[in-house]
Amino acid sequence: MRRSDAEALMPEQRWRSGPGKHLPFALVLGVGVLGLVRIFQYHWRQGAVLLGVSLLVAAVLRILVTDEQAGLIKIRGRGMDAFLYSTLGVVVIAVSLTITGGPLSR
């Protein structure tokens, strides 16, 4: 009996397959979509924090996974990606938590 191609792949090769390669991006996208849902529900501060958290998740994943496993969250080098994702994530969270008053205050 011949095993299927998916079964024959070693664990490190599964990351290079179609679905496995995009798992980090899917996780970041999932948190980002949650943030957008909260924004559309008129909880913009919570939504903005979730968007910042999604960027921090991208930074952590970029540090932890290899270049082949990073998939769509890989833009530049590992260090530069982690720095940019984490910096932008912290800035988005900080701005969303410090804005007071205005038409969007809740």
PDB file of N, CA and C in Angstrom:
ATOM      1  N   MET A   1       0.824  -1.191   0.000  1.00  0.00           N
ATOM      2  CA  MET A   1       0.000   0.000   0.000  1.00  0.00           C
ATOM      3  C   MET A   1       0.869   1.256   0.000  1.00  0.00           C
ATOM      4  N   ARG A   2       0.445   2.194  -0.727  1.00  0.00           N
ATOM      5  CA  ARG A   2       1.187   3.450  -0.826  1.00  0.00           C
ATOM      6  C   ARG A   2       0.503   4.502   0.032  1.00  0.00           C
ATOM      7  N   ARG A   3       1.313   5.171   0.871  1.00  0.00           N
ATOM      8  CA  ARG A   3       0.761   6.249   1.693  1.00  0.00           C
ATOM      9  C   ARG A   3       0.531   7.475   0.829  1.00  0.00           C
ATOM     10  N   SER A   4      -0.413   8.295   1.260  1.00  0.00           N
ATOM     11  CA  SER A   4      -0.680   9.515   0.491  1.00  0.00           C
ATOM     12  C   SER A   4       0.485  10.485   0.648  1.00  0.00           C
ATOM     13  N   ASP A   5       0.539  11.456  -0.224  1.00  0.00           N
ATOM     14  CA  ASP A   5       1.630  12.428  -0.184  1.00  0.00           C
ATOM     15  C   ASP A   5       1.631  13.215   1.117  1.00  0.00           C
ATOM     16  N   ALA A   6       0.460  13.550   1.640  1.00  0.00           N
ATOM     17  CA  ALA A   6       0.387  14.324   2.885  1.00  0.00           C
ATOM     18  C   ALA A   6       0.927  13.519   4.058  1.00  0.00           C
ATOM     19  N   GLU A   7       0.677  12.207   4.078  1.00  0.00           N
ATOM     20  CA  GLU A   7       1.186  11.371   5.156  1.00  0.00           C
ATOM     21  C   GLU A   7       2.679  11.173   5.046  1.00  0.00           C
ATOM     22  N   ALA A   8       3.198  11.208   3.835  1.00  0.00           N
ATOM     23  CA  ALA A   8       4.618  10.972   3.626  1.00  0.00           C
ATOM     24  C   ALA A   8       5.471  12.172   4.024  1.00  0.00           C
ATOM     25  N   LEU A   9       4.875  13.333   4.149  1.00  0.00           N
ATOM     26  CA  LEU A   9       5.633  14.520   4.494  1.00  0.00           C
ATOM     27  C   LEU A   9       6.127  14.452   5.930  1.00  0.00           C
ATOM     28  N   MET A  10       7.336  14.855   6.130  1.00  0.00           N
ATOM     29  CA  MET A  10       7.881  14.947   7.486  1.00  0.00           C
ATOM     30  C   MET A  10       7.253  16.161   8.165  1.00  0.00           C
ATOM     31  N   PRO A  11       7.271  16.236   9.519  1.00  0.00           N
ATOM     32  CA  PRO A  11       6.634  17.375  10.208  1.00  0.00           C
ATOM     33  C   PRO A  11       7.145  18.731   9.741  1.00  0.00           C
ATOM     34  N   GLU A  12       8.449  18.843   9.504  1.00  0.00           N
ATOM     35  CA  GLU A  12       8.961  20.145   9.069  1.00  0.00           C
ATOM     36  C   GLU A  12       8.545  20.471   7.642  1.00  0.00           C
ATOM     37  N   GLN A  13       8.231  19.454   6.840  1.00  0.00           N
ATOM     38  CA  GLN A  13       7.790  19.689   5.474  1.00  0.00           C
ATOM     39  C   GLN A  13       6.315  20.057   5.406  1.00  0.00           C
ATOM     40  N   ARG A  14       5.536  19.705   6.424  1.00  0.00           N
ATOM     41  CA  ARG A  14       4.124  20.061   6.424  1.00  0.00           C
ATOM     42  C   ARG A  14       3.938  21.568   6.452  1.00  0.00           C
ATOM     43  N   TRP A  15       4.880  22.264   7.089  1.00  0.00           N
ATOM     44  CA  TRP A  15       4.794  23.731   7.127  1.00  0.00           C
ATOM     45  C   TRP A  15       4.924  24.309   5.735  1.00  0.00           C
ATOM     46  N   ARG A  16       5.618  23.627   4.858  1.00  0.00           N
ATOM     47  CA  ARG A  16       5.809  24.157   3.512  1.00  0.00           C
ATOM     48  C   ARG A  16       4.624  23.876   2.614  1.00  0.00           C
ATOM     49  N   SER A  17       3.713  23.017   3.059  1.00  0.00           N
ATOM     50  CA  SER A  17       2.526  22.733   2.266  1.00  0.00           C
ATOM     51  C   SER A  17       1.593  23.936   2.304  1.00  0.00           C
ATOM     52  N   GLY A  18       0.588  23.951   1.466  1.00  0.00           N
ATOM     53  CA  GLY A  18      -0.316  25.088   1.341  1.00  0.00           C
ATOM     54  C   GLY A  18      -0.937  25.564   2.637  1.00  0.00           C
ATOM     55  N   PRO A  19      -1.765  24.768   3.303  1.00  0.00           N
ATOM     56  CA  PRO A  19      -2.448  25.251   4.513  1.00  0.00           C
ATOM     57  C   PRO A  19      -1.494  25.518   5.675  1.00  0.00           C
ATOM     58  N   GLY A  20      -0.497  24.660   5.862  1.00  0.00           N
ATOM     59  CA  GLY A  20       0.409  24.817   7.002  1.00  0.00           C
ATOM     60  C   GLY A  20       1.256  26.071   6.932  1.00  0.00           C
ATOM     61  N   LYS A  21       1.568  26.492   5.736  1.00  0.00           N
ATOM     62  CA  LYS A  21       2.419  27.670   5.570  1.00  0.00           C
ATOM     63  C   LYS A  21       1.705  28.947   5.985  1.00  0.00           C
ATOM     64  N   HIS A  22       0.391  28.948   5.962  1.00  0.00           N
ATOM     65  CA  HIS A  22      -0.359  30.168   6.229  1.00  0.00           C
ATOM     66  C   HIS A  22      -0.989  30.204   7.621  1.00  0.00           C
ATOM     67  N   LEU A  23      -0.645  29.247   8.482  1.00  0.00           N
ATOM     68  CA  LEU A  23      -1.201  29.242   9.831  1.00  0.00           C
ATOM     69  C   LEU A  23      -0.837  30.483  10.645  1.00  0.00           C
ATOM     70  N   PRO A  24       0.418  30.946  10.634  1.00  0.00           N
ATOM     71  CA  PRO A  24       0.716  32.175  11.388  1.00  0.00           C
ATOM     72  C   PRO A  24      -0.095  33.372  10.899  1.00  0.00           C
ATOM     73  N   PHE A  25      -0.222  33.508   9.582  1.00  0.00           N
ATOM     74  CA  PHE A  25      -1.003  34.612   9.039  1.00  0.00           C
ATOM     75  C   PHE A  25      -2.474  34.484   9.409  1.00  0.00           C
ATOM     76  N   ALA A  26      -2.988  33.259   9.406  1.00  0.00           N
ATOM     77  CA  ALA A  26      -4.395  33.037   9.758  1.00  0.00           C
ATOM     78  C   ALA A  26      -4.656  33.437  11.209  1.00  0.00           C
ATOM     79  N   LEU A  27      -3.714  33.152  12.090  1.00  0.00           N
ATOM     80  CA  LEU A  27      -3.875  33.538  13.489  1.00  0.00           C
ATOM     81  C   LEU A  27      -3.890  35.056  13.639  1.00  0.00           C
ATOM     82  N   VAL A  28      -2.953  35.728  12.989  1.00  0.00           N
ATOM     83  CA  VAL A  28      -2.899  37.193  13.040  1.00  0.00           C
ATOM     84  C   VAL A  28      -4.156  37.790  12.411  1.00  0.00           C
ATOM     85  N   LEU A  29      -4.583  37.240  11.303  1.00  0.00           N
ATOM     86  CA  LEU A  29      -5.786  37.724  10.624  1.00  0.00           C
ATOM     87  C   LEU A  29      -7.019  37.521  11.495  1.00  0.00           C
ATOM     88  N   GLY A  30      -7.097  36.403  12.196  1.00  0.00           N
ATOM     89  CA  GLY A  30      -8.233  36.137  13.068  1.00  0.00           C
ATOM     90  C   GLY A  30      -8.368  37.165  14.181  1.00  0.00           C
ATOM     91  N   VAL A  31      -7.245  37.512  14.813  1.00  0.00           N
ATOM     92  CA  VAL A  31      -7.285  38.524  15.874  1.00  0.00           C
ATOM     93  C   VAL A  31      -7.627  39.887  15.283  1.00  0.00           C
ATOM     94  N   GLY A  32      -7.103  40.189  14.105  1.00  0.00           N
ATOM     95  CA  GLY A  32      -7.417  41.453  13.449  1.00  0.00           C
ATOM     96  C   GLY A  32      -8.884  41.571  13.081  1.00  0.00           C
ATOM     97  N   VAL A  33      -9.474  40.483  12.617  1.00  0.00           N
ATOM     98  CA  VAL A  33     -10.902  40.497  12.276  1.00  0.00           C
ATOM     99  C   VAL A  33     -11.742  40.701  13.533  1.00  0.00           C
ATOM    100  N   LEU A  34     -11.341  40.069  14.642  1.00  0.00           N
ATOM    101  CA  LEU A  34     -12.036  40.313  15.911  1.00  0.00           C
ATOM    102  C   LEU A  34     -11.999  41.797  16.276  1.00  0.00           C
ATOM    103  N   GLY A  35     -10.854  42.427  16.066  1.00  0.00           N
ATOM    104  CA  GLY A  35     -10.737  43.858  16.329  1.00  0.00           C
ATOM    105  C   GLY A  35     -11.662  44.679  15.454  1.00  0.00           C
ATOM    106  N   LEU A  36     -11.746  44.330  14.182  1.00  0.00           N
ATOM    107  CA  LEU A  36     -12.633  45.061  13.281  1.00  0.00           C
ATOM    108  C   LEU A  36     -14.100  44.858  13.651  1.00  0.00           C
ATOM    109  N   VAL A  37     -14.450  43.660  14.097  1.00  0.00           N
ATOM    110  CA  VAL A  37     -15.823  43.414  14.538  1.00  0.00           C
ATOM    111  C   VAL A  37     -16.155  44.301  15.728  1.00  0.00           C
ATOM    112  N   ARG A  38     -15.236  44.412  16.685  1.00  0.00           N
ATOM    113  CA  ARG A  38     -15.477  45.265  17.852  1.00  0.00           C
ATOM    114  C   ARG A  38     -15.599  46.736  17.431  1.00  0.00           C
ATOM    115  N   ILE A  39     -14.823  47.159  16.458  1.00  0.00           N
ATOM    116  CA  ILE A  39     -14.922  48.537  15.983  1.00  0.00           C
ATOM    117  C   ILE A  39     -16.291  48.774  15.345  1.00  0.00           C
ATOM    118  N   PHE A  40     -16.754  47.832  14.533  1.00  0.00           N
ATOM    119  CA  PHE A  40     -18.057  47.974  13.892  1.00  0.00           C
ATOM    120  C   PHE A  40     -19.204  47.897  14.885  1.00  0.00           C
ATOM    121  N   GLN A  41     -18.956  47.344  16.056  1.00  0.00           N
ATOM    122  CA  GLN A  41     -19.962  47.295  17.115  1.00  0.00           C
ATOM    123  C   GLN A  41     -19.893  48.540  18.012  1.00  0.00           C
ATOM    124  N   TYR A  42     -19.187  49.558  17.559  1.00  0.00           N
ATOM    125  CA  TYR A  42     -19.039  50.825  18.263  1.00  0.00           C
ATOM    126  C   TYR A  42     -18.257  50.694  19.569  1.00  0.00           C
ATOM    127  N   HIS A  43     -17.367  49.740  19.642  1.00  0.00           N
ATOM    128  CA  HIS A  43     -16.412  49.626  20.737  1.00  0.00           C
ATOM    129  C   HIS A  43     -15.021  49.821  20.131  1.00  0.00           C
ATOM    130  N   TRP A  44     -14.787  51.038  19.629  1.00  0.00           N
ATOM    131  CA  TRP A  44     -13.599  51.298  18.843  1.00  0.00           C
ATOM    132  C   TRP A  44     -12.326  51.145  19.659  1.00  0.00           C
ATOM    133  N   ARG A  45     -12.364  51.476  20.942  1.00  0.00           N
ATOM    134  CA  ARG A  45     -11.150  51.375  21.753  1.00  0.00           C
ATOM    135  C   ARG A  45     -10.731  49.907  21.910  1.00  0.00           C
ATOM    136  N   GLN A  46     -11.687  49.037  22.200  1.00  0.00           N
ATOM    137  CA  GLN A  46     -11.383  47.608  22.314  1.00  0.00           C
ATOM    138  C   GLN A  46     -10.906  47.045  20.975  1.00  0.00           C
ATOM    139  N   GLY A  47     -11.542  47.478  19.908  1.00  0.00           N
ATOM    140  CA  GLY A  47     -11.143  47.018  18.583  1.00  0.00           C
ATOM    141  C   GLY A  47      -9.743  47.458  18.217  1.00  0.00           C
ATOM    142  N   ALA A  48      -9.395  48.700  18.544  1.00  0.00           N
ATOM    143  CA  ALA A  48      -8.052  49.187  18.246  1.00  0.00           C
ATOM    144  C   ALA A  48      -7.005  48.435  19.069  1.00  0.00           C
ATOM    145  N   VAL A  49      -7.334  48.134  20.312  1.00  0.00           N
ATOM    146  CA  VAL A  49      -6.407  47.347  21.137  1.00  0.00           C
ATOM    147  C   VAL A  49      -6.219  45.957  20.530  1.00  0.00           C
ATOM    148  N   LEU A  50      -7.293  45.339  20.051  1.00  0.00           N
ATOM    149  CA  LEU A  50      -7.174  44.030  19.418  1.00  0.00           C
ATOM    150  C   LEU A  50      -6.336  44.092  18.135  1.00  0.00           C
ATOM    151  N   LEU A  51      -6.455  45.169  17.386  1.00  0.00           N
ATOM    152  CA  LEU A  51      -5.610  45.323  16.200  1.00  0.00           C
ATOM    153  C   LEU A  51      -4.141  45.436  16.595  1.00  0.00           C
ATOM    154  N   GLY A  52      -3.869  46.174  17.673  1.00  0.00           N
ATOM    155  CA  GLY A  52      -2.502  46.256  18.180  1.00  0.00           C
ATOM    156  C   GLY A  52      -1.998  44.909  18.670  1.00  0.00           C
ATOM    157  N   VAL A  53      -2.871  44.151  19.327  1.00  0.00           N
ATOM    158  CA  VAL A  53      -2.497  42.814  19.804  1.00  0.00           C
ATOM    159  C   VAL A  53      -2.195  41.896  18.619  1.00  0.00           C
ATOM    160  N   SER A  54      -2.943  42.038  17.544  1.00  0.00           N
ATOM    161  CA  SER A  54      -2.663  41.200  16.372  1.00  0.00           C
ATOM    162  C   SER A  54      -1.270  41.497  15.805  1.00  0.00           C
ATOM    163  N   LEU A  55      -0.859  42.751  15.858  1.00  0.00           N
ATOM    164  CA  LEU A  55       0.500  43.089  15.415  1.00  0.00           C
ATOM    165  C   LEU A  55       1.551  42.516  16.366  1.00  0.00           C
ATOM    166  N   LEU A  56       1.258  42.515  17.662  1.00  0.00           N
ATOM    167  CA  LEU A  56       2.191  41.919  18.617  1.00  0.00           C
ATOM    168  C   LEU A  56       2.267  40.403  18.445  1.00  0.00           C
ATOM    169  N   VAL A  57       1.148  39.781  18.127  1.00  0.00           N
ATOM    170  CA  VAL A  57       1.148  38.344  17.837  1.00  0.00           C
ATOM    171  C   VAL A  57       2.004  38.067  16.603  1.00  0.00           C
ATOM    172  N   ALA A  58       1.899  38.915  15.600  1.00  0.00           N
ATOM    173  CA  ALA A  58       2.720  38.758  14.395  1.00  0.00           C
ATOM    174  C   ALA A  58       4.197  38.879  14.739  1.00  0.00           C
ATOM    175  N   ALA A  59       4.544  39.811  15.629  1.00  0.00           N
ATOM    176  CA  ALA A  59       5.948  39.975  16.025  1.00  0.00           C
ATOM    177  C   ALA A  59       6.457  38.729  16.740  1.00  0.00           C
ATOM    178  N   VAL A  60       5.666  38.193  17.651  1.00  0.00           N
ATOM    179  CA  VAL A  60       6.086  36.996  18.393  1.00  0.00           C
ATOM    180  C   VAL A  60       6.213  35.799  17.452  1.00  0.00           C
ATOM    181  N   LEU A  61       5.242  35.636  16.567  1.00  0.00           N
ATOM    182  CA  LEU A  61       5.316  34.529  15.615  1.00  0.00           C
ATOM    183  C   LEU A  61       6.507  34.668  14.682  1.00  0.00           C
ATOM    184  N   ARG A  62       6.793  35.888  14.289  1.00  0.00           N
ATOM    185  CA  ARG A  62       7.932  36.120  13.384  1.00  0.00           C
ATOM    186  C   ARG A  62       9.243  35.743  14.053  1.00  0.00           C
ATOM    187  N   ILE A  63       9.326  35.929  15.374  1.00  0.00           N
ATOM    188  CA  ILE A  63      10.530  35.548  16.106  1.00  0.00           C
ATOM    189  C   ILE A  63      10.596  34.027  16.275  1.00  0.00           C
ATOM    190  N   LEU A  64       9.463  33.401  16.549  1.00  0.00           N
ATOM    191  CA  LEU A  64       9.451  31.985  16.910  1.00  0.00           C
ATOM    192  C   LEU A  64       9.536  31.027  15.728  1.00  0.00           C
ATOM    193  N   VAL A  65       8.949  31.379  14.602  1.00  0.00           N
ATOM    194  CA  VAL A  65       8.914  30.433  13.480  1.00  0.00           C
ATOM    195  C   VAL A  65      10.031  30.738  12.492  1.00  0.00           C
ATOM    196  N   THR A  66      10.384  29.739  11.703  1.00  0.00           N
ATOM    197  CA  THR A  66      11.435  29.921  10.708  1.00  0.00           C
ATOM    198  C   THR A  66      10.913  30.736   9.532  1.00  0.00           C
ATOM    199  N   ASP A  67      11.819  31.093   8.650  1.00  0.00           N
ATOM    200  CA  ASP A  67      11.425  31.877   7.476  1.00  0.00           C
ATOM    201  C   ASP A  67      10.443  31.105   6.597  1.00  0.00           C
ATOM    202  N   GLU A  68      10.624  29.785   6.480  1.00  0.00           N
ATOM    203  CA  GLU A  68       9.720  28.979   5.661  1.00  0.00           C
ATOM    204  C   GLU A  68       8.339  28.885   6.302  1.00  0.00           C
ATOM    205  N   GLN A  69       8.294  28.851   7.633  1.00  0.00           N
ATOM    206  CA  GLN A  69       7.032  28.725   8.343  1.00  0.00           C
ATOM    207  C   GLN A  69       6.285  30.049   8.435  1.00  0.00           C
ATOM    208  N   ALA A  70       6.985  31.153   8.296  1.00  0.00           N
ATOM    209  CA  ALA A  70       6.373  32.471   8.491  1.00  0.00           C
ATOM    210  C   ALA A  70       5.306  32.777   7.454  1.00  0.00           C
ATOM    211  N   GLY A  71       5.464  32.279   6.265  1.00  0.00           N
ATOM    212  CA  GLY A  71       4.443  32.483   5.233  1.00  0.00           C
ATOM    213  C   GLY A  71       4.227  33.959   4.923  1.00  0.00           C
ATOM    214  N   LEU A  72       2.994  34.408   5.024  1.00  0.00           N
ATOM    215  CA  LEU A  72       2.633  35.761   4.611  1.00  0.00           C
ATOM    216  C   LEU A  72       2.998  36.841   5.620  1.00  0.00           C
ATOM    217  N   ILE A  73       3.450  36.473   6.832  1.00  0.00           N
ATOM    218  CA  ILE A  73       3.882  37.516   7.768  1.00  0.00           C
ATOM    219  C   ILE A  73       5.350  37.874   7.555  1.00  0.00           C
ATOM    220  N   LYS A  74       6.009  37.198   6.655  1.00  0.00           N
ATOM    221  CA  LYS A  74       7.405  37.499   6.331  1.00  0.00           C
ATOM    222  C   LYS A  74       7.444  38.594   5.271  1.00  0.00           C
ATOM    223  N   ILE A  75       8.039  39.718   5.650  1.00  0.00           N
ATOM    224  CA  ILE A  75       8.164  40.820   4.691  1.00  0.00           C
ATOM    225  C   ILE A  75       9.640  41.114   4.441  1.00  0.00           C
ATOM    226  N   ARG A  76      10.366  41.336   5.511  1.00  0.00           N
ATOM    227  CA  ARG A  76      11.798  41.614   5.424  1.00  0.00           C
ATOM    228  C   ARG A  76      12.522  40.546   6.216  1.00  0.00           C
ATOM    229  N   GLY A  77      13.634  40.909   6.807  1.00  0.00           N
ATOM    230  CA  GLY A  77      14.352  39.984   7.667  1.00  0.00           C
ATOM    231  C   GLY A  77      13.602  39.762   8.977  1.00  0.00           C
ATOM    232  N   ARG A  78      13.947  38.699   9.686  1.00  0.00           N
ATOM    233  CA  ARG A  78      13.247  38.354  10.914  1.00  0.00           C
ATOM    234  C   ARG A  78      13.327  39.475  11.943  1.00  0.00           C
ATOM    235  N   GLY A  79      14.500  40.029  12.148  1.00  0.00           N
ATOM    236  CA  GLY A  79      14.663  41.092  13.144  1.00  0.00           C
ATOM    237  C   GLY A  79      13.889  42.355  12.794  1.00  0.00           C
ATOM    238  N   MET A  80      13.950  42.743  11.547  1.00  0.00           N
ATOM    239  CA  MET A  80      13.247  43.954  11.122  1.00  0.00           C
ATOM    240  C   MET A  80      11.737  43.765  11.191  1.00  0.00           C
ATOM    241  N   ASP A  81      11.246  42.606  10.774  1.00  0.00           N
ATOM    242  CA  ASP A  81       9.810  42.336  10.877  1.00  0.00           C
ATOM    243  C   ASP A  81       9.342  42.390  12.318  1.00  0.00           C
ATOM    244  N   ALA A  82      10.077  41.727  13.214  1.00  0.00           N
ATOM    245  CA  ALA A  82       9.692  41.703  14.629  1.00  0.00           C
ATOM    246  C   ALA A  82       9.717  43.107  15.213  1.00  0.00           C
ATOM    247  N   PHE A  83      10.714  43.890  14.865  1.00  0.00           N
ATOM    248  CA  PHE A  83      10.818  45.259  15.369  1.00  0.00           C
ATOM    249  C   PHE A  83       9.651  46.117  14.879  1.00  0.00           C
ATOM    250  N   LEU A  84       9.364  46.058  13.593  1.00  0.00           N
ATOM    251  CA  LEU A  84       8.299  46.886  13.029  1.00  0.00           C
ATOM    252  C   LEU A  84       6.919  46.464  13.526  1.00  0.00           C
ATOM    253  N   TYR A  85       6.654  45.164  13.561  1.00  0.00           N
ATOM    254  CA  TYR A  85       5.364  44.685  14.058  1.00  0.00           C
ATOM    255  C   TYR A  85       5.160  45.076  15.517  1.00  0.00           C
ATOM    256  N   SER A  86       6.181  44.864  16.341  1.00  0.00           N
ATOM    257  CA  SER A  86       6.021  45.167  17.771  1.00  0.00           C
ATOM    258  C   SER A  86       5.919  46.670  18.016  1.00  0.00           C
ATOM    259  N   THR A  87       6.703  47.467  17.308  1.00  0.00           N
ATOM    260  CA  THR A  87       6.630  48.916  17.484  1.00  0.00           C
ATOM    261  C   THR A  87       5.260  49.447  17.077  1.00  0.00           C
ATOM    262  N   LEU A  88       4.780  49.031  15.922  1.00  0.00           N
ATOM    263  CA  LEU A  88       3.473  49.497  15.465  1.00  0.00           C
ATOM    264  C   LEU A  88       2.364  48.999  16.389  1.00  0.00           C
ATOM    265  N   GLY A  89       2.470  47.764  16.873  1.00  0.00           N
ATOM    266  CA  GLY A  89       1.478  47.238  17.801  1.00  0.00           C
ATOM    267  C   GLY A  89       1.414  48.029  19.096  1.00  0.00           C
ATOM    268  N   VAL A  90       2.578  48.354  19.659  1.00  0.00           N
ATOM    269  CA  VAL A  90       2.616  49.137  20.898  1.00  0.00           C
ATOM    270  C   VAL A  90       2.069  50.542  20.663  1.00  0.00           C
ATOM    271  N   VAL A  91       2.397  51.143  19.539  1.00  0.00           N
ATOM    272  CA  VAL A  91       1.906  52.495  19.238  1.00  0.00           C
ATOM    273  C   VAL A  91       0.383  52.495  19.079  1.00  0.00           C
ATOM    274  N   VAL A  92      -0.159  51.519  18.376  1.00  0.00           N
ATOM    275  CA  VAL A  92      -1.616  51.457  18.185  1.00  0.00           C
ATOM    276  C   VAL A  92      -2.318  51.276  19.525  1.00  0.00           C
ATOM    277  N   ILE A  93      -1.794  50.399  20.374  1.00  0.00           N
ATOM    278  CA  ILE A  93      -2.398  50.184  21.693  1.00  0.00           C
ATOM    279  C   ILE A  93      -2.291  51.441  22.543  1.00  0.00           C
ATOM    280  N   ALA A  94      -1.116  52.076  22.547  1.00  0.00           N
ATOM    281  CA  ALA A  94      -0.924  53.277  23.359  1.00  0.00           C
ATOM    282  C   ALA A  94      -1.849  54.410  22.916  1.00  0.00           C
ATOM    283  N   VAL A  95      -1.963  54.613  21.631  1.00  0.00           N
ATOM    284  CA  VAL A  95      -2.827  55.687  21.135  1.00  0.00           C
ATOM    285  C   VAL A  95      -4.287  55.398  21.458  1.00  0.00           C
ATOM    286  N   SER A  96      -4.701  54.153  21.286  1.00  0.00           N
ATOM    287  CA  SER A  96      -6.102  53.836  21.551  1.00  0.00           C
ATOM    288  C   SER A  96      -6.452  53.965  23.028  1.00  0.00           C
ATOM    289  N   LEU A  97      -5.500  53.748  23.907  1.00  0.00           N
ATOM    290  CA  LEU A  97      -5.779  53.852  25.337  1.00  0.00           C
ATOM    291  C   LEU A  97      -5.654  55.271  25.873  1.00  0.00           C
ATOM    292  N   THR A  98      -4.999  56.166  25.140  1.00  0.00           N
ATOM    293  CA  THR A  98      -4.787  57.522  25.659  1.00  0.00           C
ATOM    294  C   THR A  98      -5.734  58.552  25.069  1.00  0.00           C
ATOM    295  N   ILE A  99      -6.473  58.235  24.023  1.00  0.00           N
ATOM    296  CA  ILE A  99      -7.419  59.193  23.448  1.00  0.00           C
ATOM    297  C   ILE A  99      -8.620  59.334  24.393  1.00  0.00           C
ATOM    298  N   THR A 100      -8.913  60.551  24.735  1.00  0.00           N
ATOM    299  CA  THR A 100     -10.086  60.804  25.582  1.00  0.00           C
ATOM    300  C   THR A 100     -10.943  61.876  24.925  1.00  0.00           C
ATOM    301  N   GLY A 101     -12.248  61.851  25.229  1.00  0.00           N
ATOM    302  CA  GLY A 101     -13.164  62.843  24.684  1.00  0.00           C
ATOM    303  C   GLY A 101     -13.417  62.628  23.206  1.00  0.00           C
ATOM    304  N   GLY A 102     -14.066  63.588  22.610  1.00  0.00           N
ATOM    305  CA  GLY A 102     -14.345  63.534  21.194  1.00  0.00           C
ATOM    306  C   GLY A 102     -15.595  62.729  20.881  1.00  0.00           C
ATOM    307  N   PRO A 103     -15.954  62.671  19.590  1.00  0.00           N
ATOM    308  CA  PRO A 103     -17.190  61.987  19.210  1.00  0.00           C
ATOM    309  C   PRO A 103     -17.124  60.474  19.369  1.00  0.00           C
ATOM    310  N   LEU A 104     -15.924  59.902  19.487  1.00  0.00           N
ATOM    311  CA  LEU A 104     -15.802  58.456  19.592  1.00  0.00           C
ATOM    312  C   LEU A 104     -15.656  57.969  21.021  1.00  0.00           C
ATOM    313  N   SER A 105     -15.714  58.876  21.990  1.00  0.00           N
ATOM    314  CA  SER A 105     -15.480  58.446  23.377  1.00  0.00           C
ATOM    315  C   SER A 105     -16.649  57.610  23.879  1.00  0.00           C
ATOM    316  N   ARG A 106     -16.334  56.582  24.587  1.00  0.00           N
ATOM    317  CA  ARG A 106     -17.317  55.685  25.195  1.00  0.00           C
ATOM    318  C   ARG A 106     -16.798  55.222  26.507  1.00  0.00           C
TER     319      ARG A 106
END
